[in-house]
Amino acid sequence: MQRRFLPAAAAAAAVAIPGQALAQAAGSSRLQAIQSSGRIRFGTTGDFNPMSFRDPASREYRGHQIDCGQRLARDMGVRAEFIATDWRTLINGLVADQYDVVCTGTSMSVARAMAASFTIPWGRNAFVPLVHRRNANRFANWDAMNQRGVTIGTNLGTTMEQFVQQGLPNATLRRVESPARDWQELLGGRVDATMSSMIEAAFLTKEYPDLVAIFQDSPRNPIPMAFLSPLNDQVFTNFLNAWITISTANGFFAETNAKWGIVQG
């Protein structure tokens, strides 16, 4: 049988094609655009203490996720910019190129993953109800919340909203649109409970002694927390994943969690 040999030039070209494709992909990635512009833009809600909130005096953004964004920008050698967004339009802002990364304390969900790329998780969270301290004994367990006559507040567009819809279908869901917050409805007596993350509940119960988190020994919906980046930009997502891995290994996330009192679910 006669053997056919690929000419050397053709063989070299065949090997070069994947490399060229990779270079072209990197060139069209947001990673290169960030490096060229000298800035990275973070979409953040500013309403999720201690993750992302406005300092009352300076009106500057502060919090766990703000520290993460500033550290990422410093490691990249670029400037950090924080762009105001809300929970309902997080994905819209990415699609419209208003910012490069969502950095506000997002939990992973299937619905969000269909429209944007999640990085690997940097932490974990879970849900617990917040109630007035005087009503703490009203709810003996999760089943007691899943009853008609119980009104539960959540913010529109959050994973808490999805959880109440699916996990507590007999309760009445009261949606609150940003910049208003669901726990303000609880303080005002307009709902019986709000669904909170363990992270925010730890802060709110310190800030408002009349509120208490219940079922902390049996939280629901344990879920990873990650950053959101644009869909179909694997080069940029790979870079963010590498940064999270490095920052976890060098202790940055452990130090930042401790600084802001982050409770892991």
C-alpha atoms as a PDB file:
ATOM      1  CA  MET A   1       0.000   0.000   0.000  1.00  0.00           C
ATOM      2  CA  GLN A   2       1.347   3.377  -0.966  1.00  0.00           C
ATOM      3  CA  ARG A   3       1.816   5.793   1.886  1.00  0.00           C
ATOM      4  CA  ARG A   4       1.003   9.428   1.490  1.00  0.00           C
ATOM      5  CA  PHE A   5       2.908  12.016   3.462  1.00  0.00           C
ATOM      6  CA  LEU A   6       1.608  15.475   4.266  1.00  0.00           C
ATOM      7  CA  PRO A   7       4.046  18.063   2.926  1.00  0.00           C
ATOM      8  CA  ALA A   8       5.990  19.852   5.651  1.00  0.00           C
ATOM      9  CA  ALA A   9       4.463  23.221   4.868  1.00  0.00           C
ATOM     10  CA  ALA A  10       0.940  21.807   4.984  1.00  0.00           C
ATOM     11  CA  ALA A  11       1.667  20.012   8.247  1.00  0.00           C
ATOM     12  CA  ALA A  12       2.997  23.215   9.805  1.00  0.00           C
ATOM     13  CA  ALA A  13      -0.079  25.083   8.640  1.00  0.00           C
ATOM     14  CA  ALA A  14      -2.353  22.439  10.140  1.00  0.00           C
ATOM     15  CA  VAL A  15      -0.612  22.773  13.505  1.00  0.00           C
ATOM     16  CA  ALA A  16      -0.739  26.560  13.341  1.00  0.00           C
ATOM     17  CA  ILE A  17      -4.484  26.767  12.722  1.00  0.00           C
ATOM     18  CA  PRO A  18      -5.546  25.993  16.345  1.00  0.00           C
ATOM     19  CA  GLY A  19      -3.003  28.496  17.637  1.00  0.00           C
ATOM     20  CA  GLN A  20      -4.244  31.152  15.249  1.00  0.00           C
ATOM     21  CA  ALA A  21      -7.835  30.427  16.216  1.00  0.00           C
ATOM     22  CA  LEU A  22      -6.926  30.772  19.906  1.00  0.00           C
ATOM     23  CA  ALA A  23      -5.148  34.063  19.258  1.00  0.00           C
ATOM     24  CA  GLN A  24      -8.141  35.362  17.307  1.00  0.00           C
ATOM     25  CA  ALA A  25     -10.494  34.281  20.103  1.00  0.00           C
ATOM     26  CA  ALA A  26      -8.347  36.053  22.686  1.00  0.00           C
ATOM     27  CA  GLY A  27      -8.224  39.124  20.488  1.00  0.00           C
ATOM     28  CA  SER A  28     -12.010  39.322  20.350  1.00  0.00           C
ATOM     29  CA  SER A  29     -12.422  38.643  24.067  1.00  0.00           C
ATOM     30  CA  ARG A  30     -13.467  41.200  26.628  1.00  0.00           C
ATOM     31  CA  LEU A  31     -10.182  40.431  28.373  1.00  0.00           C
ATOM     32  CA  GLN A  32      -8.221  42.195  25.654  1.00  0.00           C
ATOM     33  CA  ALA A  33     -10.730  45.054  25.541  1.00  0.00           C
ATOM     34  CA  ILE A  34     -10.273  45.608  29.291  1.00  0.00           C
ATOM     35  CA  GLN A  35      -6.512  45.600  28.963  1.00  0.00           C
ATOM     36  CA  SER A  36      -6.670  48.030  26.038  1.00  0.00           C
ATOM     37  CA  SER A  37      -9.037  50.436  27.779  1.00  0.00           C
ATOM     38  CA  GLY A  38      -7.238  50.273  31.129  1.00  0.00           C
ATOM     39  CA  ARG A  39     -10.484  49.794  33.044  1.00  0.00           C
ATOM     40  CA  ILE A  40     -12.804  47.006  34.146  1.00  0.00           C
ATOM     41  CA  ARG A  41     -16.470  47.776  34.798  1.00  0.00           C
ATOM     42  CA  PHE A  42     -18.417  46.041  37.549  1.00  0.00           C
ATOM     43  CA  GLY A  43     -22.200  45.999  37.713  1.00  0.00           C
ATOM     44  CA  THR A  44     -23.299  46.215  41.351  1.00  0.00           C
ATOM     45  CA  THR A  45     -26.608  46.826  43.109  1.00  0.00           C
ATOM     46  CA  GLY A  46     -25.403  48.723  46.175  1.00  0.00           C
ATOM     47  CA  ASP A  47     -28.275  47.304  48.265  1.00  0.00           C
ATOM     48  CA  PHE A  48     -26.868  44.059  49.680  1.00  0.00           C
ATOM     49  CA  ASN A  49     -24.967  44.793  52.882  1.00  0.00           C
ATOM     50  CA  PRO A  50     -22.276  43.541  53.533  1.00  0.00           C
ATOM     51  CA  MET A  51     -21.724  42.524  49.901  1.00  0.00           C
ATOM     52  CA  SER A  52     -22.371  45.803  48.080  1.00  0.00           C
ATOM     53  CA  PHE A  53     -23.694  49.003  49.628  1.00  0.00           C
ATOM     54  CA  ARG A  54     -23.302  52.762  49.528  1.00  0.00           C
ATOM     55  CA  ASP A  55     -21.334  54.436  52.303  1.00  0.00           C
ATOM     56  CA  PRO A  56     -23.768  56.975  53.849  1.00  0.00           C
ATOM     57  CA  ALA A  57     -21.101  59.656  54.171  1.00  0.00           C
ATOM     58  CA  SER A  58     -19.082  59.345  50.959  1.00  0.00           C
ATOM     59  CA  ARG A  59     -21.748  57.659  48.773  1.00  0.00           C
ATOM     60  CA  GLU A  60     -18.965  55.396  47.547  1.00  0.00           C
ATOM     61  CA  TYR A  61     -19.575  51.686  47.095  1.00  0.00           C
ATOM     62  CA  ARG A  62     -18.275  49.448  49.852  1.00  0.00           C
ATOM     63  CA  GLY A  63     -18.509  45.803  50.801  1.00  0.00           C
ATOM     64  CA  HIS A  64     -17.155  42.328  50.183  1.00  0.00           C
ATOM     65  CA  GLN A  65     -17.828  42.364  46.453  1.00  0.00           C
ATOM     66  CA  ILE A  66     -16.386  45.846  46.072  1.00  0.00           C
ATOM     67  CA  ASP A  67     -13.151  44.644  47.673  1.00  0.00           C
ATOM     68  CA  CYS A  68     -13.156  41.723  45.241  1.00  0.00           C
ATOM     69  CA  GLY A  69     -13.585  44.019  42.258  1.00  0.00           C
ATOM     70  CA  GLN A  70     -10.861  46.382  43.423  1.00  0.00           C
ATOM     71  CA  ARG A  71      -8.480  43.476  44.023  1.00  0.00           C
ATOM     72  CA  LEU A  72      -9.182  41.992  40.592  1.00  0.00           C
ATOM     73  CA  ALA A  73      -8.584  45.368  38.931  1.00  0.00           C
ATOM     74  CA  ARG A  74      -5.329  45.824  40.864  1.00  0.00           C
ATOM     75  CA  ASP A  75      -4.121  42.361  39.897  1.00  0.00           C
ATOM     76  CA  MET A  76      -4.911  43.137  36.254  1.00  0.00           C
ATOM     77  CA  GLY A  77      -3.217  46.536  36.427  1.00  0.00           C
ATOM     78  CA  VAL A  78      -6.362  48.411  35.377  1.00  0.00           C
ATOM     79  CA  ARG A  79      -8.861  50.837  36.953  1.00  0.00           C
ATOM     80  CA  ALA A  80     -12.046  49.595  38.628  1.00  0.00           C
ATOM     81  CA  GLU A  81     -15.344  51.270  37.801  1.00  0.00           C
ATOM     82  CA  PHE A  82     -18.603  50.360  39.578  1.00  0.00           C
ATOM     83  CA  ILE A  83     -21.798  50.758  37.590  1.00  0.00           C
ATOM     84  CA  ALA A  84     -25.192  50.915  39.312  1.00  0.00           C
ATOM     85  CA  THR A  85     -27.639  48.173  38.378  1.00  0.00           C
ATOM     86  CA  ASP A  86     -30.503  46.289  40.051  1.00  0.00           C
ATOM     87  CA  TRP A  87     -31.402  42.636  40.519  1.00  0.00           C
ATOM     88  CA  ARG A  88     -34.054  42.635  37.827  1.00  0.00           C
ATOM     89  CA  THR A  89     -31.705  43.907  35.104  1.00  0.00           C
ATOM     90  CA  LEU A  90     -28.394  42.235  36.025  1.00  0.00           C
ATOM     91  CA  ILE A  91     -28.295  40.160  32.843  1.00  0.00           C
ATOM     92  CA  ASN A  92     -29.598  42.983  30.646  1.00  0.00           C
ATOM     93  CA  GLY A  93     -26.647  45.126  31.655  1.00  0.00           C
ATOM     94  CA  LEU A  94     -24.167  42.444  30.621  1.00  0.00           C
ATOM     95  CA  VAL A  95     -25.880  41.914  27.270  1.00  0.00           C
ATOM     96  CA  ALA A  96     -25.982  45.671  26.640  1.00  0.00           C
ATOM     97  CA  ASP A  97     -22.248  45.977  27.446  1.00  0.00           C
ATOM     98  CA  GLN A  98     -22.890  48.337  30.352  1.00  0.00           C
ATOM     99  CA  TYR A  99     -20.370  46.430  32.476  1.00  0.00           C
ATOM    100  CA  ASP A 100     -17.941  43.525  32.188  1.00  0.00           C
ATOM    101  CA  VAL A 101     -18.659  41.563  35.376  1.00  0.00           C
ATOM    102  CA  VAL A 102     -21.566  41.386  37.814  1.00  0.00           C
ATOM    103  CA  CYS A 103     -20.005  41.826  41.228  1.00  0.00           C
ATOM    104  CA  THR A 104     -22.762  42.168  43.820  1.00  0.00           C
ATOM    105  CA  GLY A 105     -23.141  38.793  45.587  1.00  0.00           C
ATOM    106  CA  THR A 106     -25.005  36.724  42.994  1.00  0.00           C
ATOM    107  CA  SER A 107     -26.112  33.166  43.668  1.00  0.00           C
ATOM    108  CA  MET A 108     -25.947  30.689  40.816  1.00  0.00           C
ATOM    109  CA  SER A 109     -29.219  29.693  39.174  1.00  0.00           C
ATOM    110  CA  VAL A 110     -30.206  27.784  36.057  1.00  0.00           C
ATOM    111  CA  ALA A 111     -32.198  30.736  34.719  1.00  0.00           C
ATOM    112  CA  ARG A 112     -29.233  33.094  34.990  1.00  0.00           C
ATOM    113  CA  ALA A 113     -26.849  30.490  33.548  1.00  0.00           C
ATOM    114  CA  MET A 114     -28.967  30.345  30.389  1.00  0.00           C
ATOM    115  CA  ALA A 115     -28.306  34.024  29.708  1.00  0.00           C
ATOM    116  CA  ALA A 116     -24.825  34.677  31.125  1.00  0.00           C
ATOM    117  CA  SER A 117     -21.678  32.816  32.161  1.00  0.00           C
ATOM    118  CA  PHE A 118     -20.989  32.019  35.785  1.00  0.00           C
ATOM    119  CA  THR A 119     -17.455  31.769  37.067  1.00  0.00           C
ATOM    120  CA  ILE A 120     -16.473  28.957  39.378  1.00  0.00           C
ATOM    121  CA  PRO A 121     -17.865  29.633  42.880  1.00  0.00           C
ATOM    122  CA  TRP A 122     -15.990  31.785  45.358  1.00  0.00           C
ATOM    123  CA  GLY A 123     -18.296  30.771  48.253  1.00  0.00           C
ATOM    124  CA  ARG A 124     -21.627  29.246  49.271  1.00  0.00           C
ATOM    125  CA  ASN A 125     -24.863  30.625  50.619  1.00  0.00           C
ATOM    126  CA  ALA A 126     -28.241  29.347  51.824  1.00  0.00           C
ATOM    127  CA  PHE A 127     -31.651  30.806  52.682  1.00  0.00           C
ATOM    128  CA  VAL A 128     -33.307  31.436  56.044  1.00  0.00           C
ATOM    129  CA  PRO A 129     -36.483  33.384  56.892  1.00  0.00           C
ATOM    130  CA  LEU A 130     -36.316  36.699  58.712  1.00  0.00           C
ATOM    131  CA  VAL A 131     -39.187  37.527  61.087  1.00  0.00           C
ATOM    132  CA  HIS A 132     -39.963  39.978  63.866  1.00  0.00           C
ATOM    133  CA  ARG A 133     -38.562  38.709  67.137  1.00  0.00           C
ATOM    134  CA  ARG A 134     -42.040  38.784  68.663  1.00  0.00           C
ATOM    135  CA  ASN A 135     -43.191  36.305  65.963  1.00  0.00           C
ATOM    136  CA  ALA A 136     -40.239  33.924  66.173  1.00  0.00           C
ATOM    137  CA  ASN A 137     -42.342  31.208  67.846  1.00  0.00           C
ATOM    138  CA  ARG A 138     -45.109  31.452  65.262  1.00  0.00           C
ATOM    139  CA  PHE A 139     -43.213  29.263  62.810  1.00  0.00           C
ATOM    140  CA  ALA A 140     -42.103  25.919  64.213  1.00  0.00           C
ATOM    141  CA  ASN A 141     -40.632  24.677  60.935  1.00  0.00           C
ATOM    142  CA  TRP A 142     -40.535  25.278  57.195  1.00  0.00           C
ATOM    143  CA  ASP A 143     -43.941  23.641  56.711  1.00  0.00           C
ATOM    144  CA  ALA A 144     -45.462  26.280  58.998  1.00  0.00           C
ATOM    145  CA  MET A 145     -44.336  28.956  56.520  1.00  0.00           C
ATOM    146  CA  ASN A 146     -45.825  27.153  53.552  1.00  0.00           C
ATOM    147  CA  GLN A 147     -49.373  28.052  54.546  1.00  0.00           C
ATOM    148  CA  ARG A 148     -52.112  30.274  53.245  1.00  0.00           C
ATOM    149  CA  GLY A 149     -52.291  33.417  55.300  1.00  0.00           C
ATOM    150  CA  VAL A 150     -48.494  33.740  55.455  1.00  0.00           C
ATOM    151  CA  THR A 151     -47.045  36.572  53.372  1.00  0.00           C
ATOM    152  CA  ILE A 152     -43.356  36.393  52.472  1.00  0.00           C
ATOM    153  CA  GLY A 153     -41.471  39.307  50.959  1.00  0.00           C
ATOM    154  CA  THR A 154     -38.659  39.046  48.424  1.00  0.00           C
ATOM    155  CA  ASN A 155     -36.920  41.408  46.046  1.00  0.00           C
ATOM    156  CA  LEU A 156     -37.902  41.133  42.410  1.00  0.00           C
ATOM    157  CA  GLY A 157     -35.384  39.238  40.277  1.00  0.00           C
ATOM    158  CA  THR A 158     -33.580  37.459  43.112  1.00  0.00           C
ATOM    159  CA  THR A 159     -33.056  33.735  43.664  1.00  0.00           C
ATOM    160  CA  MET A 160     -35.078  34.166  46.885  1.00  0.00           C
ATOM    161  CA  GLU A 161     -38.098  35.054  44.749  1.00  0.00           C
ATOM    162  CA  GLN A 162     -37.660  31.842  42.744  1.00  0.00           C
ATOM    163  CA  PHE A 163     -37.214  29.801  45.924  1.00  0.00           C
ATOM    164  CA  VAL A 164     -40.449  31.037  47.527  1.00  0.00           C
ATOM    165  CA  GLN A 165     -42.369  30.458  44.299  1.00  0.00           C
ATOM    166  CA  GLN A 166     -41.161  26.878  44.007  1.00  0.00           C
ATOM    167  CA  GLY A 167     -40.507  25.830  47.603  1.00  0.00           C
ATOM    168  CA  LEU A 168     -43.308  27.607  49.484  1.00  0.00           C
ATOM    169  CA  PRO A 169     -46.116  27.728  46.910  1.00  0.00           C
ATOM    170  CA  ASN A 170     -48.960  27.981  49.446  1.00  0.00           C
ATOM    171  CA  ALA A 171     -47.631  31.205  50.966  1.00  0.00           C
ATOM    172  CA  THR A 172     -48.419  34.596  49.464  1.00  0.00           C
ATOM    173  CA  LEU A 173     -45.410  36.126  47.720  1.00  0.00           C
ATOM    174  CA  ARG A 174     -44.990  39.896  47.967  1.00  0.00           C
ATOM    175  CA  ARG A 175     -42.424  41.178  45.451  1.00  0.00           C
ATOM    176  CA  VAL A 176     -40.531  44.383  46.159  1.00  0.00           C
ATOM    177  CA  GLU A 177     -38.749  46.236  43.387  1.00  0.00           C
ATOM    178  CA  SER A 178     -35.344  47.848  43.944  1.00  0.00           C
ATOM    179  CA  PRO A 179     -34.263  50.240  45.336  1.00  0.00           C
ATOM    180  CA  ALA A 180     -36.816  49.285  48.003  1.00  0.00           C
ATOM    181  CA  ARG A 181     -35.850  46.200  50.006  1.00  0.00           C
ATOM    182  CA  ASP A 182     -37.947  43.296  51.221  1.00  0.00           C
ATOM    183  CA  TRP A 183     -36.769  43.622  54.827  1.00  0.00           C
ATOM    184  CA  GLN A 184     -38.160  47.152  54.876  1.00  0.00           C
ATOM    185  CA  GLU A 185     -41.562  45.559  54.288  1.00  0.00           C
ATOM    186  CA  LEU A 186     -40.929  43.342  57.308  1.00  0.00           C
ATOM    187  CA  LEU A 187     -39.928  46.276  59.504  1.00  0.00           C
ATOM    188  CA  GLY A 188     -43.074  48.071  58.372  1.00  0.00           C
ATOM    189  CA  GLY A 189     -45.289  45.110  59.281  1.00  0.00           C
ATOM    190  CA  ARG A 190     -46.513  44.582  55.718  1.00  0.00           C
ATOM    191  CA  VAL A 191     -45.240  40.981  55.470  1.00  0.00           C
ATOM    192  CA  ASP A 192     -44.928  38.139  57.973  1.00  0.00           C
ATOM    193  CA  ALA A 193     -41.425  37.192  56.887  1.00  0.00           C
ATOM    194  CA  THR A 194     -38.807  37.816  54.244  1.00  0.00           C
ATOM    195  CA  MET A 195     -36.567  35.237  52.640  1.00  0.00           C
ATOM    196  CA  SER A 196     -32.967  36.175  53.274  1.00  0.00           C
ATOM    197  CA  SER A 197     -29.560  34.738  52.581  1.00  0.00           C
ATOM    198  CA  MET A 198     -27.512  33.651  55.563  1.00  0.00           C
ATOM    199  CA  ILE A 199     -24.991  36.315  54.542  1.00  0.00           C
ATOM    200  CA  GLU A 200     -27.420  39.230  54.657  1.00  0.00           C
ATOM    201  CA  ALA A 201     -29.366  37.855  57.622  1.00  0.00           C
ATOM    202  CA  ALA A 202     -26.221  37.925  59.769  1.00  0.00           C
ATOM    203  CA  PHE A 203     -25.872  41.639  59.036  1.00  0.00           C
ATOM    204  CA  LEU A 204     -29.544  42.611  59.311  1.00  0.00           C
ATOM    205  CA  THR A 205     -30.095  40.958  62.699  1.00  0.00           C
ATOM    206  CA  LYS A 206     -27.198  42.995  64.086  1.00  0.00           C
ATOM    207  CA  GLU A 207     -28.400  46.206  62.466  1.00  0.00           C
ATOM    208  CA  TYR A 208     -32.047  45.697  63.501  1.00  0.00           C
ATOM    209  CA  PRO A 209     -32.357  43.891  66.875  1.00  0.00           C
ATOM    210  CA  ASP A 210     -36.127  43.469  66.346  1.00  0.00           C
ATOM    211  CA  LEU A 211     -35.419  41.023  63.509  1.00  0.00           C
ATOM    212  CA  VAL A 212     -34.356  37.418  63.971  1.00  0.00           C
ATOM    213  CA  ALA A 213     -33.321  34.703  61.523  1.00  0.00           C
ATOM    214  CA  ILE A 214     -35.099  31.404  62.126  1.00  0.00           C
ATOM    215  CA  PHE A 215     -34.282  27.839  61.025  1.00  0.00           C
ATOM    216  CA  GLN A 216     -30.567  28.568  60.993  1.00  0.00           C
ATOM    217  CA  ASP A 217     -29.925  24.922  61.831  1.00  0.00           C
ATOM    218  CA  SER A 218     -31.846  23.857  58.721  1.00  0.00           C
ATOM    219  CA  PRO A 219     -31.297  26.462  55.996  1.00  0.00           C
ATOM    220  CA  ARG A 220     -32.726  25.767  52.564  1.00  0.00           C
ATOM    221  CA  ASN A 221     -31.422  26.026  49.016  1.00  0.00           C
ATOM    222  CA  PRO A 222     -27.662  25.740  49.594  1.00  0.00           C
ATOM    223  CA  ILE A 223     -26.272  27.375  46.506  1.00  0.00           C
ATOM    224  CA  PRO A 224     -22.864  28.465  45.158  1.00  0.00           C
ATOM    225  CA  MET A 225     -22.044  32.132  44.820  1.00  0.00           C
ATOM    226  CA  ALA A 226     -20.122  33.320  41.788  1.00  0.00           C
ATOM    227  CA  PHE A 227     -19.469  36.267  39.509  1.00  0.00           C
ATOM    228  CA  LEU A 228     -21.384  36.723  36.252  1.00  0.00           C
ATOM    229  CA  SER A 229     -19.660  37.462  32.961  1.00  0.00           C
ATOM    230  CA  PRO A 230     -20.908  37.727  29.358  1.00  0.00           C
ATOM    231  CA  LEU A 231     -22.124  34.596  27.610  1.00  0.00           C
ATOM    232  CA  ASN A 232     -19.917  33.080  24.875  1.00  0.00           C
ATOM    233  CA  ASP A 233     -16.644  34.655  26.011  1.00  0.00           C
ATOM    234  CA  GLN A 234     -14.786  31.611  27.266  1.00  0.00           C
ATOM    235  CA  VAL A 235     -11.416  33.370  27.223  1.00  0.00           C
ATOM    236  CA  PHE A 236     -12.585  35.972  29.729  1.00  0.00           C
ATOM    237  CA  THR A 237     -14.431  33.414  31.872  1.00  0.00           C
ATOM    238  CA  ASN A 238     -11.317  31.208  31.939  1.00  0.00           C
ATOM    239  CA  PHE A 239      -9.288  34.169  33.145  1.00  0.00           C
ATOM    240  CA  LEU A 240     -11.777  34.975  35.915  1.00  0.00           C
ATOM    241  CA  ASN A 241     -11.779  31.317  36.984  1.00  0.00           C
ATOM    242  CA  ALA A 242      -8.002  31.331  37.186  1.00  0.00           C
ATOM    243  CA  TRP A 243      -8.088  34.519  39.284  1.00  0.00           C
ATOM    244  CA  ILE A 244     -10.597  33.000  41.717  1.00  0.00           C
ATOM    245  CA  THR A 245      -8.453  29.859  42.056  1.00  0.00           C
ATOM    246  CA  ILE A 246      -5.323  31.905  42.719  1.00  0.00           C
ATOM    247  CA  SER A 247      -7.103  34.266  45.120  1.00  0.00           C
ATOM    248  CA  THR A 248      -8.564  31.344  47.054  1.00  0.00           C
ATOM    249  CA  ALA A 249      -5.178  29.676  47.341  1.00  0.00           C
ATOM    250  CA  ASN A 250      -3.408  32.828  48.549  1.00  0.00           C
ATOM    251  CA  GLY A 251      -6.034  33.481  51.236  1.00  0.00           C
ATOM    252  CA  PHE A 252      -7.670  36.578  49.741  1.00  0.00           C
ATOM    253  CA  PHE A 253     -11.227  35.245  49.932  1.00  0.00           C
ATOM    254  CA  ALA A 254     -10.765  33.885  53.457  1.00  0.00           C
ATOM    255  CA  GLU A 255      -9.438  37.273  54.618  1.00  0.00           C
ATOM    256  CA  THR A 256     -12.198  39.203  52.854  1.00  0.00           C
ATOM    257  CA  ASN A 257     -14.903  36.906  54.231  1.00  0.00           C
ATOM    258  CA  ALA A 258     -13.551  37.442  57.744  1.00  0.00           C
ATOM    259  CA  LYS A 259     -13.337  41.211  57.255  1.00  0.00           C
ATOM    260  CA  TRP A 260     -17.021  41.482  56.304  1.00  0.00           C
ATOM    261  CA  GLY A 261     -18.333  38.743  58.602  1.00  0.00           C
ATOM    262  CA  ILE A 262     -19.486  36.571  55.723  1.00  0.00           C
ATOM    263  CA  VAL A 263     -21.312  33.447  56.913  1.00  0.00           C
ATOM    264  CA  GLN A 264     -20.946  30.522  54.518  1.00  0.00           C
ATOM    265  CA  GLY A 265     -24.032  28.406  53.874  1.00  0.00           C
END
